[in-house]
Amino acid sequence: MGKSVATLDCCSWFFRYSYRSIQSIILIDLFYLWGINWARGYEENTRGCYGSLLIACTILLYAGAWLCNIYGYAKFYECSLWVNIGTTVLLIVLPLVQLLDLNPQNSLLTTSAVCLYISYLGLVSQFSKDQCNALNTAAMVSDMATSTFMFFLSMYGSIMGGSGAAEAPRAIPDQ
């Protein structure tokens, strides 16, 4: 009986992290294409609506990431501080990589979305720790709703990402 439980636990771990990895790749692709489309719309549009949307969404996604992280510090300070420290380091390092132009193909929108997703996963992992004992019905419903939303968002990204709906912006030739 014990050997089958250990095998089941190992398989569960493998499929859980495989699913999270594939979902992360799809979400990164979705936000990358989203940023490209809005950047192209900004270049082609004279009113500047797309530029404002791009900046506003980037700021909102970063704010959400920091709010998740601060909530994790406040609620789980005693039982899982290392998760919050790791998330904070990533929240500082990822935008710096982008701002220092070490990854020229990426955008701040994609980086902010990845930061929010990392903060969300860190917060959910803290809620599900046995030693924290903080998993209640509201947290479970919130986790299920957010996970379902992320699932549908990643499915939308996999469907629309492969359709060729967005292309990389091209340089406008000098006239």
N, C-alpha and C. Protein backbone atom coordinates (compact mmCIF):
# COMPACT_ATOMS: atom_id res chain seq x y z
N MET A 1 0.83 -1.20 0.00
CA MET A 1 0.00 0.00 0.00
C MET A 1 0.87 1.26 0.00
N GLY A 2 1.93 1.29 0.78
CA GLY A 2 2.79 2.45 0.87
C GLY A 2 3.54 2.73 -0.41
N LYS A 3 3.92 1.68 -1.13
CA LYS A 3 4.66 1.86 -2.38
C LYS A 3 3.79 2.49 -3.46
N SER A 4 2.51 2.11 -3.52
CA SER A 4 1.62 2.68 -4.53
C SER A 4 1.31 4.15 -4.23
N VAL A 5 1.24 4.51 -2.95
CA VAL A 5 1.01 5.90 -2.59
C VAL A 5 2.22 6.75 -2.97
N ALA A 6 3.41 6.22 -2.76
CA ALA A 6 4.62 6.96 -3.14
C ALA A 6 4.70 7.13 -4.65
N THR A 7 4.33 6.11 -5.40
CA THR A 7 4.32 6.19 -6.87
C THR A 7 3.29 7.21 -7.33
N LEU A 8 2.11 7.18 -6.71
CA LEU A 8 1.06 8.14 -7.05
C LEU A 8 1.50 9.57 -6.73
N ASP A 9 2.16 9.76 -5.61
CA ASP A 9 2.65 11.08 -5.23
C ASP A 9 3.69 11.57 -6.23
N CYS A 10 4.58 10.69 -6.67
CA CYS A 10 5.61 11.07 -7.65
C CYS A 10 4.97 11.45 -8.98
N CYS A 11 3.99 10.65 -9.43
CA CYS A 11 3.30 10.97 -10.68
C CYS A 11 2.53 12.27 -10.58
N SER A 12 1.90 12.49 -9.43
CA SER A 12 1.16 13.73 -9.21
C SER A 12 2.09 14.94 -9.29
N TRP A 13 3.26 14.83 -8.66
CA TRP A 13 4.23 15.90 -8.68
C TRP A 13 4.67 16.18 -10.11
N PHE A 14 4.98 15.13 -10.87
CA PHE A 14 5.45 15.30 -12.25
C PHE A 14 4.39 15.99 -13.12
N PHE A 15 3.14 15.53 -13.07
CA PHE A 15 2.10 16.11 -13.91
C PHE A 15 1.74 17.52 -13.47
N ARG A 16 1.78 17.77 -12.18
CA ARG A 16 1.48 19.12 -11.69
C ARG A 16 2.50 20.13 -12.21
N TYR A 17 3.78 19.80 -12.13
CA TYR A 17 4.80 20.74 -12.59
C TYR A 17 4.90 20.79 -14.11
N SER A 18 4.59 19.70 -14.76
CA SER A 18 4.54 19.73 -16.23
C SER A 18 3.43 20.65 -16.70
N TYR A 19 2.26 20.55 -16.06
CA TYR A 19 1.14 21.41 -16.42
C TYR A 19 1.48 22.88 -16.17
N ARG A 20 2.06 23.18 -15.02
CA ARG A 20 2.42 24.57 -14.71
C ARG A 20 3.45 25.11 -15.70
N SER A 21 4.40 24.27 -16.11
CA SER A 21 5.42 24.71 -17.08
C SER A 21 4.79 25.02 -18.43
N ILE A 22 3.94 24.13 -18.91
CA ILE A 22 3.29 24.35 -20.21
C ILE A 22 2.37 25.57 -20.14
N GLN A 23 1.64 25.72 -19.04
CA GLN A 23 0.77 26.87 -18.88
C GLN A 23 1.59 28.16 -18.86
N SER A 24 2.73 28.15 -18.21
CA SER A 24 3.59 29.34 -18.16
C SER A 24 4.08 29.72 -19.54
N ILE A 25 4.48 28.75 -20.32
CA ILE A 25 4.96 29.03 -21.68
C ILE A 25 3.85 29.63 -22.53
N ILE A 26 2.67 29.08 -22.43
CA ILE A 26 1.55 29.60 -23.21
C ILE A 26 1.19 31.02 -22.78
N LEU A 27 1.18 31.28 -21.47
CA LEU A 27 0.85 32.62 -20.99
C LEU A 27 1.91 33.64 -21.40
N ILE A 28 3.18 33.24 -21.36
CA ILE A 28 4.24 34.15 -21.81
C ILE A 28 4.05 34.47 -23.29
N ASP A 29 3.73 33.46 -24.09
CA ASP A 29 3.49 33.69 -25.51
C ASP A 29 2.30 34.61 -25.73
N LEU A 30 1.23 34.40 -24.97
CA LEU A 30 0.04 35.24 -25.11
C LEU A 30 0.35 36.70 -24.79
N PHE A 31 1.03 36.95 -23.69
CA PHE A 31 1.33 38.33 -23.32
C PHE A 31 2.36 38.95 -24.25
N TYR A 32 3.25 38.15 -24.78
CA TYR A 32 4.21 38.66 -25.76
C TYR A 32 3.47 39.12 -27.02
N LEU A 33 2.56 38.30 -27.53
CA LEU A 33 1.79 38.68 -28.72
C LEU A 33 0.88 39.87 -28.44
N TRP A 34 0.32 39.91 -27.26
CA TRP A 34 -0.52 41.02 -26.85
C TRP A 34 0.28 42.31 -26.86
N GLY A 35 1.48 42.31 -26.31
CA GLY A 35 2.34 43.49 -26.31
C GLY A 35 2.73 43.91 -27.71
N ILE A 36 3.03 42.93 -28.58
CA ILE A 36 3.38 43.26 -29.97
C ILE A 36 2.21 43.92 -30.68
N ASN A 37 1.02 43.37 -30.51
CA ASN A 37 -0.17 43.95 -31.16
C ASN A 37 -0.43 45.38 -30.67
N TRP A 38 -0.29 45.61 -29.38
CA TRP A 38 -0.53 46.95 -28.85
C TRP A 38 0.58 47.90 -29.28
N ALA A 39 1.82 47.43 -29.36
CA ALA A 39 2.92 48.30 -29.83
C ALA A 39 2.70 48.67 -31.29
N ARG A 40 2.25 47.70 -32.09
CA ARG A 40 1.96 47.99 -33.50
C ARG A 40 0.79 48.97 -33.61
N GLY A 41 -0.23 48.78 -32.78
CA GLY A 41 -1.35 49.70 -32.78
C GLY A 41 -0.93 51.10 -32.38
N TYR A 42 0.01 51.21 -31.46
CA TYR A 42 0.53 52.51 -31.05
C TYR A 42 1.29 53.18 -32.20
N GLU A 43 2.08 52.40 -32.94
CA GLU A 43 2.85 52.96 -34.06
C GLU A 43 1.96 53.39 -35.21
N GLU A 44 0.85 52.66 -35.42
CA GLU A 44 -0.03 52.96 -36.55
C GLU A 44 -1.11 53.98 -36.20
N ASN A 45 -1.41 54.14 -34.94
CA ASN A 45 -2.50 55.01 -34.50
C ASN A 45 -1.93 56.37 -34.09
N THR A 46 -2.55 57.44 -34.54
CA THR A 46 -2.06 58.77 -34.21
C THR A 46 -2.64 59.30 -32.90
N ARG A 47 -3.70 58.69 -32.38
CA ARG A 47 -4.33 59.18 -31.16
C ARG A 47 -3.61 58.72 -29.89
N GLY A 48 -2.81 57.68 -29.94
CA GLY A 48 -2.05 57.25 -28.78
C GLY A 48 -2.81 56.43 -27.77
N CYS A 49 -3.96 55.89 -28.12
CA CYS A 49 -4.75 55.08 -27.20
C CYS A 49 -4.01 53.80 -26.80
N TYR A 50 -3.34 53.17 -27.74
CA TYR A 50 -2.65 51.92 -27.47
C TYR A 50 -1.46 52.13 -26.52
N GLY A 51 -0.77 53.23 -26.66
CA GLY A 51 0.35 53.51 -25.76
C GLY A 51 -0.12 53.67 -24.33
N SER A 52 -1.23 54.37 -24.13
CA SER A 52 -1.78 54.53 -22.79
C SER A 52 -2.23 53.21 -22.21
N LEU A 53 -2.88 52.38 -23.04
CA LEU A 53 -3.30 51.05 -22.58
C LEU A 53 -2.11 50.18 -22.21
N LEU A 54 -1.07 50.23 -22.99
CA LEU A 54 0.13 49.44 -22.74
C LEU A 54 0.77 49.84 -21.41
N ILE A 55 0.89 51.12 -21.18
CA ILE A 55 1.49 51.61 -19.94
C ILE A 55 0.59 51.29 -18.75
N ALA A 56 -0.71 51.51 -18.89
CA ALA A 56 -1.64 51.27 -17.79
C ALA A 56 -1.69 49.79 -17.41
N CYS A 57 -1.76 48.92 -18.40
CA CYS A 57 -1.80 47.47 -18.10
C CYS A 57 -0.51 47.00 -17.47
N THR A 58 0.61 47.51 -17.94
CA THR A 58 1.90 47.14 -17.35
C THR A 58 1.96 47.56 -15.88
N ILE A 59 1.54 48.78 -15.59
CA ILE A 59 1.56 49.26 -14.21
C ILE A 59 0.59 48.46 -13.34
N LEU A 60 -0.60 48.16 -13.86
CA LEU A 60 -1.57 47.38 -13.09
C LEU A 60 -1.08 45.97 -12.81
N LEU A 61 -0.44 45.33 -13.78
CA LEU A 61 0.08 43.98 -13.57
C LEU A 61 1.21 43.98 -12.54
N TYR A 62 2.11 44.98 -12.60
CA TYR A 62 3.16 45.09 -11.58
C TYR A 62 2.57 45.37 -10.20
N ALA A 63 1.58 46.24 -10.15
CA ALA A 63 0.94 46.54 -8.87
C ALA A 63 0.29 45.29 -8.28
N GLY A 64 -0.37 44.51 -9.12
CA GLY A 64 -0.96 43.26 -8.65
C GLY A 64 0.09 42.29 -8.13
N ALA A 65 1.23 42.23 -8.82
CA ALA A 65 2.32 41.34 -8.38
C ALA A 65 2.84 41.77 -7.01
N TRP A 66 3.05 43.07 -6.83
CA TRP A 66 3.55 43.54 -5.55
C TRP A 66 2.51 43.39 -4.45
N LEU A 67 1.23 43.57 -4.77
CA LEU A 67 0.19 43.38 -3.76
C LEU A 67 0.12 41.93 -3.30
N CYS A 68 0.22 40.98 -4.24
CA CYS A 68 0.26 39.56 -3.86
C CYS A 68 1.45 39.28 -2.96
N ASN A 69 2.58 39.85 -3.29
CA ASN A 69 3.79 39.61 -2.51
C ASN A 69 3.70 40.25 -1.12
N ILE A 70 3.19 41.46 -1.04
CA ILE A 70 3.04 42.13 0.26
C ILE A 70 2.02 41.39 1.13
N TYR A 71 0.95 40.92 0.52
CA TYR A 71 -0.03 40.14 1.27
C TYR A 71 0.60 38.85 1.80
N GLY A 72 1.45 38.23 1.00
CA GLY A 72 2.15 37.03 1.45
C GLY A 72 3.06 37.32 2.64
N TYR A 73 3.76 38.47 2.60
CA TYR A 73 4.59 38.86 3.74
C TYR A 73 3.74 39.07 4.99
N ALA A 74 2.63 39.76 4.84
CA ALA A 74 1.79 40.10 6.00
C ALA A 74 1.12 38.86 6.60
N LYS A 75 0.63 37.98 5.75
CA LYS A 75 -0.15 36.85 6.24
C LYS A 75 0.71 35.66 6.67
N PHE A 76 1.82 35.43 5.98
CA PHE A 76 2.61 34.21 6.20
C PHE A 76 4.04 34.51 6.63
N TYR A 77 4.24 35.57 7.38
CA TYR A 77 5.58 35.97 7.77
C TYR A 77 6.31 34.88 8.57
N GLU A 78 5.61 34.23 9.46
CA GLU A 78 6.25 33.29 10.36
C GLU A 78 6.47 31.91 9.77
N CYS A 79 5.70 31.50 8.79
CA CYS A 79 5.81 30.11 8.37
C CYS A 79 6.47 29.91 7.01
N SER A 80 6.51 30.89 6.15
CA SER A 80 7.13 30.66 4.82
C SER A 80 7.75 31.95 4.28
N LEU A 81 8.65 32.49 5.04
CA LEU A 81 9.31 33.74 4.66
C LEU A 81 10.16 33.57 3.40
N TRP A 82 10.76 32.40 3.20
CA TRP A 82 11.65 32.17 2.07
C TRP A 82 10.92 32.30 0.74
N VAL A 83 9.63 31.96 0.69
CA VAL A 83 8.86 32.10 -0.55
C VAL A 83 8.74 33.58 -0.89
N ASN A 84 8.47 34.41 0.10
CA ASN A 84 8.32 35.85 -0.13
C ASN A 84 9.65 36.49 -0.52
N ILE A 85 10.72 36.04 0.08
CA ILE A 85 12.04 36.60 -0.27
C ILE A 85 12.39 36.24 -1.71
N GLY A 86 12.16 34.99 -2.09
CA GLY A 86 12.43 34.57 -3.47
C GLY A 86 11.58 35.32 -4.48
N THR A 87 10.31 35.52 -4.15
CA THR A 87 9.42 36.26 -5.04
C THR A 87 9.86 37.72 -5.15
N THR A 88 10.27 38.31 -4.05
CA THR A 88 10.73 39.70 -4.07
C THR A 88 11.97 39.85 -4.95
N VAL A 89 12.90 38.92 -4.83
CA VAL A 89 14.10 38.97 -5.67
C VAL A 89 13.72 38.90 -7.15
N LEU A 90 12.80 38.00 -7.49
CA LEU A 90 12.36 37.90 -8.89
C LEU A 90 11.63 39.15 -9.35
N LEU A 91 10.83 39.75 -8.47
CA LEU A 91 10.10 40.97 -8.83
C LEU A 91 11.04 42.14 -9.07
N ILE A 92 12.23 42.09 -8.49
CA ILE A 92 13.21 43.15 -8.71
C ILE A 92 14.10 42.83 -9.91
N VAL A 93 14.51 41.58 -10.04
CA VAL A 93 15.47 41.19 -11.08
C VAL A 93 14.84 41.17 -12.48
N LEU A 94 13.63 40.63 -12.62
CA LEU A 94 13.03 40.50 -13.96
C LEU A 94 12.84 41.85 -14.66
N PRO A 95 12.29 42.88 -14.01
CA PRO A 95 12.20 44.17 -14.71
C PRO A 95 13.57 44.79 -15.00
N LEU A 96 14.55 44.56 -14.12
CA LEU A 96 15.89 45.09 -14.38
C LEU A 96 16.51 44.46 -15.62
N VAL A 97 16.28 43.16 -15.80
CA VAL A 97 16.78 42.49 -17.01
C VAL A 97 16.19 43.14 -18.24
N GLN A 98 14.91 43.47 -18.17
CA GLN A 98 14.25 44.10 -19.31
C GLN A 98 14.70 45.54 -19.50
N LEU A 99 14.79 46.29 -18.41
CA LEU A 99 15.16 47.70 -18.52
C LEU A 99 16.61 47.90 -18.95
N LEU A 100 17.48 46.97 -18.61
CA LEU A 100 18.88 47.04 -19.04
C LEU A 100 19.07 46.50 -20.45
N ASP A 101 17.97 46.13 -21.09
CA ASP A 101 17.95 45.66 -22.48
C ASP A 101 18.80 44.40 -22.67
N LEU A 102 18.79 43.53 -21.67
CA LEU A 102 19.49 42.26 -21.78
C LEU A 102 18.68 41.24 -22.57
N ASN A 103 17.40 41.49 -22.72
CA ASN A 103 16.52 40.65 -23.51
C ASN A 103 15.72 41.55 -24.45
N PRO A 104 16.27 41.92 -25.61
CA PRO A 104 15.63 42.93 -26.45
C PRO A 104 14.33 42.48 -27.10
N GLN A 105 14.05 41.19 -27.15
CA GLN A 105 12.82 40.74 -27.80
C GLN A 105 11.61 40.81 -26.88
N ASN A 106 11.82 41.00 -25.60
CA ASN A 106 10.73 40.99 -24.65
C ASN A 106 10.18 42.40 -24.46
N SER A 107 9.10 42.50 -23.71
CA SER A 107 8.52 43.80 -23.40
C SER A 107 8.22 43.86 -21.91
N LEU A 108 8.01 45.05 -21.41
CA LEU A 108 7.67 45.20 -19.99
C LEU A 108 6.30 44.63 -19.67
N LEU A 109 5.40 44.60 -20.66
CA LEU A 109 4.09 44.00 -20.44
C LEU A 109 4.24 42.51 -20.15
N THR A 110 5.04 41.82 -20.94
CA THR A 110 5.27 40.40 -20.72
C THR A 110 5.95 40.17 -19.38
N THR A 111 6.93 40.99 -19.06
CA THR A 111 7.63 40.85 -17.79
C THR A 111 6.70 41.08 -16.61
N SER A 112 5.82 42.07 -16.71
CA SER A 112 4.89 42.33 -15.61
C SER A 112 3.88 41.19 -15.46
N ALA A 113 3.45 40.61 -16.56
CA ALA A 113 2.53 39.48 -16.48
C ALA A 113 3.20 38.26 -15.85
N VAL A 114 4.46 38.03 -16.19
CA VAL A 114 5.21 36.92 -15.58
C VAL A 114 5.39 37.18 -14.09
N CYS A 115 5.68 38.41 -13.71
CA CYS A 115 5.82 38.75 -12.29
C CYS A 115 4.52 38.50 -11.52
N LEU A 116 3.40 38.87 -12.12
CA LEU A 116 2.12 38.63 -11.47
C LEU A 116 1.86 37.13 -11.33
N TYR A 117 2.17 36.36 -12.35
CA TYR A 117 1.95 34.91 -12.29
C TYR A 117 2.85 34.27 -11.23
N ILE A 118 4.10 34.71 -11.14
CA ILE A 118 5.01 34.19 -10.12
C ILE A 118 4.50 34.54 -8.72
N SER A 119 4.04 35.76 -8.53
CA SER A 119 3.51 36.17 -7.22
C SER A 119 2.27 35.37 -6.87
N TYR A 120 1.41 35.15 -7.85
CA TYR A 120 0.20 34.35 -7.62
C TYR A 120 0.57 32.93 -7.21
N LEU A 121 1.50 32.30 -7.92
CA LEU A 121 1.89 30.94 -7.57
C LEU A 121 2.53 30.88 -6.18
N GLY A 122 3.33 31.89 -5.84
CA GLY A 122 3.92 31.93 -4.50
C GLY A 122 2.88 32.08 -3.42
N LEU A 123 1.89 32.92 -3.65
CA LEU A 123 0.83 33.13 -2.67
C LEU A 123 -0.01 31.86 -2.50
N VAL A 124 -0.34 31.20 -3.60
CA VAL A 124 -1.12 29.97 -3.53
C VAL A 124 -0.33 28.88 -2.81
N SER A 125 0.97 28.82 -3.06
CA SER A 125 1.77 27.80 -2.38
C SER A 125 1.80 28.05 -0.87
N GLN A 126 1.77 29.31 -0.45
CA GLN A 126 1.75 29.60 0.98
C GLN A 126 0.40 29.24 1.59
N PHE A 127 -0.67 29.47 0.85
CA PHE A 127 -1.99 29.11 1.36
C PHE A 127 -2.14 27.60 1.52
N SER A 128 -1.46 26.83 0.69
CA SER A 128 -1.65 25.39 0.72
C SER A 128 -0.66 24.66 1.64
N LYS A 129 0.24 25.38 2.30
CA LYS A 129 1.18 24.74 3.23
C LYS A 129 0.43 24.29 4.48
N ASP A 130 0.73 23.09 4.93
CA ASP A 130 0.06 22.56 6.12
C ASP A 130 0.44 23.33 7.38
N GLN A 131 1.72 23.72 7.48
CA GLN A 131 2.16 24.40 8.70
C GLN A 131 1.57 25.79 8.85
N CYS A 132 1.17 26.41 7.74
CA CYS A 132 0.56 27.75 7.85
C CYS A 132 -0.89 27.65 8.29
N ASN A 133 -1.56 26.56 7.93
CA ASN A 133 -2.93 26.30 8.34
C ASN A 133 -3.87 27.45 8.02
N ALA A 134 -3.68 28.07 6.86
CA ALA A 134 -4.47 29.25 6.51
C ALA A 134 -5.47 28.98 5.39
N LEU A 135 -5.56 27.74 4.95
CA LEU A 135 -6.46 27.43 3.83
C LEU A 135 -7.89 27.39 4.34
N ASN A 136 -8.68 28.36 3.94
CA ASN A 136 -10.08 28.38 4.31
C ASN A 136 -10.92 28.33 3.03
N THR A 137 -12.21 28.36 3.17
CA THR A 137 -13.10 28.23 2.02
C THR A 137 -12.94 29.39 1.05
N ALA A 138 -12.82 30.60 1.56
CA ALA A 138 -12.68 31.77 0.68
C ALA A 138 -11.38 31.69 -0.13
N ALA A 139 -10.30 31.27 0.51
CA ALA A 139 -9.03 31.14 -0.20
C ALA A 139 -9.09 30.04 -1.24
N MET A 140 -9.77 28.94 -0.91
CA MET A 140 -9.89 27.84 -1.85
C MET A 140 -10.73 28.24 -3.07
N VAL A 141 -11.83 28.93 -2.84
CA VAL A 141 -12.68 29.39 -3.94
C VAL A 141 -11.93 30.40 -4.80
N SER A 142 -11.21 31.30 -4.17
CA SER A 142 -10.42 32.29 -4.92
C SER A 142 -9.34 31.61 -5.76
N ASP A 143 -8.67 30.61 -5.19
CA ASP A 143 -7.64 29.88 -5.93
C ASP A 143 -8.25 29.13 -7.11
N MET A 144 -9.39 28.50 -6.90
CA MET A 144 -10.02 27.76 -8.00
C MET A 144 -10.49 28.71 -9.10
N ALA A 145 -11.05 29.86 -8.73
CA ALA A 145 -11.50 30.82 -9.73
C ALA A 145 -10.33 31.39 -10.53
N THR A 146 -9.24 31.74 -9.83
CA THR A 146 -8.08 32.28 -10.52
C THR A 146 -7.42 31.23 -11.40
N SER A 147 -7.31 30.01 -10.90
CA SER A 147 -6.72 28.94 -11.71
C SER A 147 -7.56 28.65 -12.94
N THR A 148 -8.88 28.69 -12.80
CA THR A 148 -9.76 28.47 -13.95
C THR A 148 -9.60 29.60 -14.96
N PHE A 149 -9.52 30.83 -14.48
CA PHE A 149 -9.31 31.97 -15.38
C PHE A 149 -7.98 31.83 -16.11
N MET A 150 -6.91 31.46 -15.40
CA MET A 150 -5.60 31.28 -16.03
C MET A 150 -5.65 30.14 -17.05
N PHE A 151 -6.40 29.09 -16.74
CA PHE A 151 -6.53 27.99 -17.68
C PHE A 151 -7.19 28.46 -18.97
N PHE A 152 -8.31 29.17 -18.86
CA PHE A 152 -8.99 29.65 -20.06
C PHE A 152 -8.15 30.69 -20.81
N LEU A 153 -7.44 31.52 -20.08
CA LEU A 153 -6.55 32.48 -20.71
C LEU A 153 -5.43 31.78 -21.47
N SER A 154 -4.87 30.73 -20.88
CA SER A 154 -3.81 30.00 -21.59
C SER A 154 -4.37 29.24 -22.78
N MET A 155 -5.59 28.74 -22.69
CA MET A 155 -6.19 28.08 -23.85
C MET A 155 -6.47 29.09 -24.96
N TYR A 156 -6.93 30.28 -24.61
CA TYR A 156 -7.12 31.33 -25.60
C TYR A 156 -5.78 31.68 -26.25
N GLY A 157 -4.74 31.77 -25.43
CA GLY A 157 -3.42 32.08 -25.97
C GLY A 157 -2.89 30.99 -26.88
N SER A 158 -3.15 29.74 -26.55
CA SER A 158 -2.67 28.67 -27.42
C SER A 158 -3.44 28.64 -28.73
N ILE A 159 -4.71 28.99 -28.69
CA ILE A 159 -5.51 29.00 -29.92
C ILE A 159 -5.15 30.22 -30.78
N MET A 160 -5.12 31.40 -30.18
CA MET A 160 -4.84 32.61 -30.94
C MET A 160 -3.36 32.78 -31.25
N GLY A 161 -2.49 32.26 -30.39
CA GLY A 161 -1.05 32.39 -30.61
C GLY A 161 -0.58 31.64 -31.83
N GLY A 162 -1.19 30.52 -32.11
CA GLY A 162 -0.78 29.71 -33.25
C GLY A 162 -1.46 30.10 -34.55
N SER A 163 -2.35 31.09 -34.51
CA SER A 163 -3.10 31.43 -35.72
C SER A 163 -2.36 32.42 -36.61
N GLY A 164 -1.25 32.95 -36.14
CA GLY A 164 -0.51 33.93 -36.93
C GLY A 164 -1.18 35.28 -36.92
N ALA A 165 -1.99 35.55 -35.88
CA ALA A 165 -2.72 36.81 -35.80
C ALA A 165 -1.78 37.99 -35.55
N ALA A 166 -0.65 37.71 -34.98
CA ALA A 166 0.29 38.79 -34.68
C ALA A 166 1.65 38.46 -35.25
N GLU A 167 2.28 39.47 -35.76
CA GLU A 167 3.64 39.32 -36.27
C GLU A 167 4.51 40.33 -35.56
N ALA A 168 5.79 40.09 -35.58
CA ALA A 168 6.72 41.03 -34.96
C ALA A 168 6.66 42.36 -35.72
N PRO A 169 6.76 43.48 -35.01
CA PRO A 169 6.72 44.76 -35.69
C PRO A 169 7.90 44.92 -36.64
N ARG A 170 7.63 45.50 -37.78
CA ARG A 170 8.68 45.69 -38.80
C ARG A 170 9.11 47.14 -38.80
N ALA A 171 10.34 47.33 -39.14
CA ALA A 171 10.87 48.70 -39.24
C ALA A 171 10.25 49.38 -40.45
N ILE A 172 9.89 50.63 -40.27
CA ILE A 172 9.30 51.40 -41.37
C ILE A 172 10.46 51.98 -42.19
N PRO A 173 10.47 51.71 -43.50
CA PRO A 173 11.58 52.21 -44.31
C PRO A 173 11.54 53.73 -44.41
N ASP A 174 12.71 54.32 -44.47
CA ASP A 174 12.80 55.79 -44.62
C ASP A 174 12.34 56.19 -46.02
N GLN A 175 11.63 57.29 -46.07
CA GLN A 175 11.11 57.72 -47.37
C GLN A 175 11.74 59.02 -47.78
